[in-house]
Amino acid sequence: MPKFTPLLVLLTTIFNLGNSHPHHAQGETRPIKQMPMGNPKLSINGIPFSTRAHWMRQANLALDAPCPFAAFGSVIVNHTAGGNGLGTLVCTGANSNSQTGNPTLHGEMAAINSCSAILTDPNGPYKLEPSAALSAFADLTLYTNAESCPMCASAIRWAGFKEYVYGTSIDTLVEKGWGQIHISSLEVVARSFDLGKPTRLIGEVLTEETDPYFLWQFDSEYRCPEGCGRVNGTCKAK
């Protein structure tokens, strides 16, 4: 799967891919490849790149420490609220596999779980009924500092987010030694075209800041993220 920087996938293109025949004559699955569709530094859905960069940085800051091994962080944002031009943060999440023993708690899954709890909390700011909370995701944007695995990308589609924005690509993770299920978010979105709620996919945003969180783990010569130093071959907070 080739790597392109930057990547913006428009929903109309996703629908076209999803409706194309996915098999060769012999029945072999034909992979859906990522294609560069535009420049995310342009305004997308009326949201400027500076706002995208702000929230991608917040996804990095969602991490529990400056240099955890699995540095996958996410934030979920309402861009239509707040009146400040940035929108409002609804919830955050960070990979918590090792803390909880739950292998499904990637950053995106943790954020979605957190949002569900916050939206339905009878003492919280939203106080939504479960059905209204499910509908609310259609107005929200999920930012994650690395492209979602197919489990998380599928959860994003089932939730029906308005937008899904990622930083570091799966291609980069694989190149740097991370084990991954080799299914791109584009393919997941393309093959979920009949779920009803559309999701706009915007990829490889602010990679110059997200990539360093994932390049040191399997490269002993790579510098540690800011605020961390090498200790016994791994990066630790100073």
Protein backbone atom coordinates (compact mmCIF):
# COMPACT_ATOMS: atom_id res chain seq x y z
CA MET A 1 0.00 0.00 0.00
CA PRO A 2 1.76 3.18 -1.13
CA LYS A 3 2.23 6.12 1.18
CA PHE A 4 1.14 9.60 0.19
CA THR A 5 1.54 12.82 2.16
CA PRO A 6 -0.75 14.59 2.66
CA LEU A 7 -3.96 12.58 2.24
CA LEU A 8 -7.52 13.88 2.11
CA VAL A 9 -10.29 11.48 1.19
CA LEU A 10 -13.60 13.02 0.19
CA LEU A 11 -16.82 11.18 0.89
CA THR A 12 -17.94 11.15 -2.74
CA THR A 13 -14.75 9.31 -3.65
CA ILE A 14 -15.29 6.88 -0.77
CA PHE A 15 -18.79 6.09 -1.99
CA ASN A 16 -17.47 5.47 -5.50
CA LEU A 17 -14.86 3.08 -4.12
CA GLY A 18 -17.38 1.35 -1.90
CA ASN A 19 -19.76 0.72 -4.80
CA SER A 20 -17.03 -0.62 -7.09
CA HIS A 21 -16.78 -4.37 -7.48
CA PRO A 22 -14.31 -5.56 -4.81
CA HIS A 23 -13.25 -8.88 -6.38
CA HIS A 24 -11.24 -10.21 -9.27
CA ALA A 25 -12.85 -12.72 -11.59
CA GLN A 26 -11.19 -15.54 -9.62
CA GLY A 27 -12.71 -14.24 -6.38
CA GLU A 28 -9.52 -12.72 -5.00
CA THR A 29 -10.07 -9.55 -2.98
CA ARG A 30 -8.67 -6.46 -4.67
CA PRO A 31 -7.12 -4.06 -2.11
CA ILE A 32 -8.40 -0.51 -1.98
CA LYS A 33 -5.39 1.78 -2.11
CA GLN A 34 -5.04 5.16 -0.50
CA MET A 35 -4.95 7.98 -3.03
CA PRO A 36 -4.00 11.62 -2.49
CA MET A 37 -7.15 13.67 -3.00
CA GLY A 38 -6.11 17.14 -1.87
CA ASN A 39 -4.24 19.25 0.63
CA PRO A 40 -5.44 19.25 4.26
CA LYS A 41 -3.85 22.66 4.76
CA LEU A 42 -6.87 24.03 2.94
CA SER A 43 -10.12 24.73 4.75
CA ILE A 44 -12.18 21.53 4.92
CA ASN A 45 -15.83 21.65 5.96
CA GLY A 46 -15.15 25.32 6.73
CA ILE A 47 -12.47 24.41 9.30
CA PRO A 48 -8.97 25.86 8.70
CA PHE A 49 -5.78 23.86 9.05
CA SER A 50 -4.79 25.85 12.14
CA THR A 51 -7.83 24.44 13.94
CA ARG A 52 -7.04 20.92 12.74
CA ALA A 53 -3.48 21.33 14.03
CA HIS A 54 -4.73 22.54 17.42
CA TRP A 55 -6.84 19.45 17.97
CA MET A 56 -4.20 17.06 16.65
CA ARG A 57 -1.84 18.52 19.25
CA GLN A 58 -4.53 17.91 21.85
CA ALA A 59 -4.66 14.27 20.73
CA ASN A 60 -0.93 14.07 21.50
CA LEU A 61 -1.56 15.70 24.88
CA ALA A 62 -4.26 13.12 25.68
CA LEU A 63 -1.46 10.69 26.49
CA ASP A 64 -0.97 9.87 30.16
CA ALA A 65 2.78 10.49 29.89
CA PRO A 66 5.13 12.28 27.44
CA CYS A 67 6.55 9.04 26.02
CA PRO A 68 4.43 5.94 26.67
CA PHE A 69 5.38 2.98 24.52
CA ALA A 70 1.97 2.83 22.82
CA ALA A 71 1.56 6.59 22.34
CA PHE A 72 -1.89 6.50 20.74
CA GLY A 73 -4.07 9.42 21.82
CA SER A 74 -7.46 10.71 20.66
CA VAL A 75 -9.83 13.60 21.25
CA ILE A 76 -13.46 14.02 20.22
CA VAL A 77 -14.56 17.53 19.35
CA ASN A 78 -17.72 19.46 18.53
CA HIS A 79 -16.61 22.02 15.96
CA THR A 80 -19.97 23.80 15.99
CA ALA A 81 -19.94 24.64 19.71
CA GLY A 82 -17.97 26.98 21.92
CA GLY A 83 -18.11 30.18 19.90
CA ASN A 84 -14.32 30.46 19.94
CA GLY A 85 -13.58 29.30 16.40
CA LEU A 86 -12.00 26.08 17.64
CA GLY A 87 -15.02 24.16 18.87
CA THR A 88 -15.43 22.33 22.16
CA LEU A 89 -13.61 19.29 23.52
CA VAL A 90 -16.11 16.60 24.48
CA CYS A 91 -13.77 13.82 25.65
CA THR A 92 -10.30 12.29 25.34
CA GLY A 93 -8.80 8.83 25.29
CA ALA A 94 -5.39 7.17 25.30
CA ASN A 95 -4.28 3.60 24.70
CA SER A 96 -4.73 1.80 28.02
CA ASN A 97 -4.12 -1.85 27.15
CA SER A 98 -1.31 -2.31 29.65
CA GLN A 99 -3.10 -0.44 32.44
CA THR A 100 -6.39 -2.32 32.13
CA GLY A 101 -5.55 -5.65 30.53
CA ASN A 102 -8.24 -4.90 27.93
CA PRO A 103 -6.78 -5.36 24.42
CA THR A 104 -9.60 -3.38 22.79
CA LEU A 105 -8.89 -0.14 24.65
CA HIS A 106 -6.96 1.64 21.94
CA GLY A 107 -7.02 5.44 22.14
CA GLU A 108 -10.06 5.77 19.88
CA MET A 109 -12.05 3.11 21.73
CA ALA A 110 -11.19 4.70 25.08
CA ALA A 111 -12.33 8.09 23.77
CA ILE A 112 -15.61 6.73 22.41
CA ASN A 113 -16.32 4.96 25.73
CA SER A 114 -15.53 8.17 27.59
CA CYS A 115 -17.81 10.22 25.34
CA SER A 116 -20.69 7.79 25.78
CA ALA A 117 -20.35 8.07 29.55
CA ILE A 118 -20.09 11.88 29.47
CA LEU A 119 -23.00 12.37 27.06
CA THR A 120 -25.35 10.19 29.11
CA ASP A 121 -24.23 11.24 32.60
CA PRO A 122 -27.39 12.53 34.37
CA ASN A 123 -25.20 14.92 36.37
CA GLY A 124 -23.00 15.94 33.43
CA PRO A 125 -23.22 18.83 30.97
CA TYR A 126 -25.28 17.00 28.31
CA LYS A 127 -27.68 14.65 30.17
CA LEU A 128 -28.66 12.83 26.96
CA GLU A 129 -30.78 9.73 26.72
CA PRO A 130 -28.89 6.79 25.13
CA SER A 131 -30.69 7.20 21.81
CA ALA A 132 -29.83 10.90 21.68
CA ALA A 133 -26.21 10.15 22.60
CA LEU A 134 -25.96 7.72 19.69
CA SER A 135 -27.29 10.39 17.34
CA ALA A 136 -24.90 13.02 18.72
CA PHE A 137 -21.83 11.37 17.21
CA ALA A 138 -22.97 12.53 13.76
CA ASP A 139 -22.06 16.09 14.83
CA LEU A 140 -18.64 15.24 16.24
CA THR A 141 -15.09 14.89 14.90
CA LEU A 142 -12.60 12.31 16.17
CA TYR A 143 -8.91 13.22 16.03
CA THR A 144 -6.29 10.53 16.60
CA ASN A 145 -2.53 10.97 16.38
CA ALA A 146 -2.14 7.75 14.37
CA GLU A 147 -4.32 6.08 11.77
CA SER A 148 -6.82 3.75 13.36
CA CYS A 149 -6.52 -0.01 13.18
CA PRO A 150 -9.49 -1.66 11.41
CA MET A 151 -11.16 -2.38 14.78
CA CYS A 152 -11.13 1.32 15.71
CA ALA A 153 -11.89 2.53 12.19
CA SER A 154 -14.92 0.25 12.18
CA ALA A 155 -16.03 1.61 15.55
CA ILE A 156 -15.70 5.13 14.16
CA ARG A 157 -17.95 4.18 11.27
CA TRP A 158 -20.49 2.42 13.49
CA ALA A 159 -20.62 5.56 15.65
CA GLY A 160 -21.26 7.66 12.54
CA PHE A 161 -18.80 10.47 13.28
CA LYS A 162 -19.04 13.50 11.03
CA GLU A 163 -15.26 13.46 10.54
CA TYR A 164 -12.32 11.21 11.35
CA VAL A 165 -8.89 12.89 11.26
CA TYR A 166 -5.59 11.09 11.80
CA GLY A 167 -1.91 11.99 11.94
CA THR A 168 0.69 9.25 11.43
CA SER A 169 -0.34 6.67 8.82
CA ILE A 170 -0.48 2.89 9.19
CA ASP A 171 2.11 2.78 6.39
CA THR A 172 4.55 4.73 8.57
CA LEU A 173 3.83 2.57 11.61
CA VAL A 174 4.55 -0.58 9.63
CA GLU A 175 7.74 0.88 8.16
CA LYS A 176 8.95 1.68 11.68
CA GLY A 177 8.36 -1.79 13.09
CA TRP A 178 4.84 -1.67 14.51
CA GLY A 179 2.71 -4.77 14.11
CA GLN A 180 -0.52 -3.85 12.37
CA ILE A 181 -3.50 -5.42 10.66
CA HIS A 182 -2.86 -4.22 7.12
CA ILE A 183 -6.25 -2.72 6.33
CA SER A 184 -6.33 1.04 5.79
CA SER A 185 -9.00 3.35 7.18
CA LEU A 186 -9.88 4.23 3.61
CA GLU A 187 -10.75 0.60 2.91
CA VAL A 188 -12.88 0.35 6.06
CA VAL A 189 -14.76 3.54 5.16
CA ALA A 190 -15.13 2.50 1.53
CA ARG A 191 -16.63 -0.85 2.49
CA SER A 192 -19.05 0.67 5.01
CA PHE A 193 -20.84 2.93 2.55
CA ASP A 194 -24.26 1.49 3.37
CA LEU A 195 -24.20 2.29 7.11
CA GLY A 196 -26.16 5.45 6.42
CA LYS A 197 -24.25 8.11 8.33
CA PRO A 198 -21.37 9.46 6.24
CA THR A 199 -17.90 10.06 7.71
CA ARG A 200 -15.35 12.32 6.06
CA LEU A 201 -11.82 10.92 6.33
CA ILE A 202 -8.89 13.37 6.57
CA GLY A 203 -5.47 11.78 6.87
CA GLU A 204 -1.83 12.55 7.62
CA VAL A 205 -2.44 15.85 9.39
CA LEU A 206 0.50 17.37 11.31
CA THR A 207 2.64 14.26 10.82
CA GLU A 208 5.80 16.23 11.55
CA GLU A 209 4.54 16.37 15.14
CA THR A 210 2.77 13.02 15.46
CA ASP A 211 5.41 10.80 13.79
CA PRO A 212 8.05 11.30 16.52
CA TYR A 213 5.72 9.67 19.06
CA PHE A 214 5.99 6.41 17.10
CA LEU A 215 9.49 6.36 15.58
CA TRP A 216 11.63 5.67 18.66
CA GLN A 217 10.20 2.41 19.93
CA PHE A 218 12.01 0.12 17.47
CA ASP A 219 14.90 2.41 16.57
CA SER A 220 17.43 2.84 19.38
CA GLU A 221 19.10 5.72 17.50
CA TYR A 222 15.95 7.81 17.14
CA ARG A 223 15.57 10.72 19.55
CA CYS A 224 13.04 10.48 22.35
CA PRO A 225 9.99 12.78 22.41
CA GLU A 226 10.40 16.08 24.21
CA GLY A 227 10.63 15.64 27.95
CA CYS A 228 12.00 12.10 27.72
CA GLY A 229 15.41 10.42 27.60
CA ARG A 230 16.83 6.97 26.87
CA VAL A 231 16.95 4.57 29.83
CA ASN A 232 17.95 0.94 29.17
CA GLY A 233 17.04 1.26 25.50
CA THR A 234 13.62 2.82 25.95
CA CYS A 235 12.33 6.36 26.37
CA LYS A 236 11.36 7.44 29.87
CA ALA A 237 10.00 10.73 31.15
CA LYS A 238 12.74 12.89 32.69
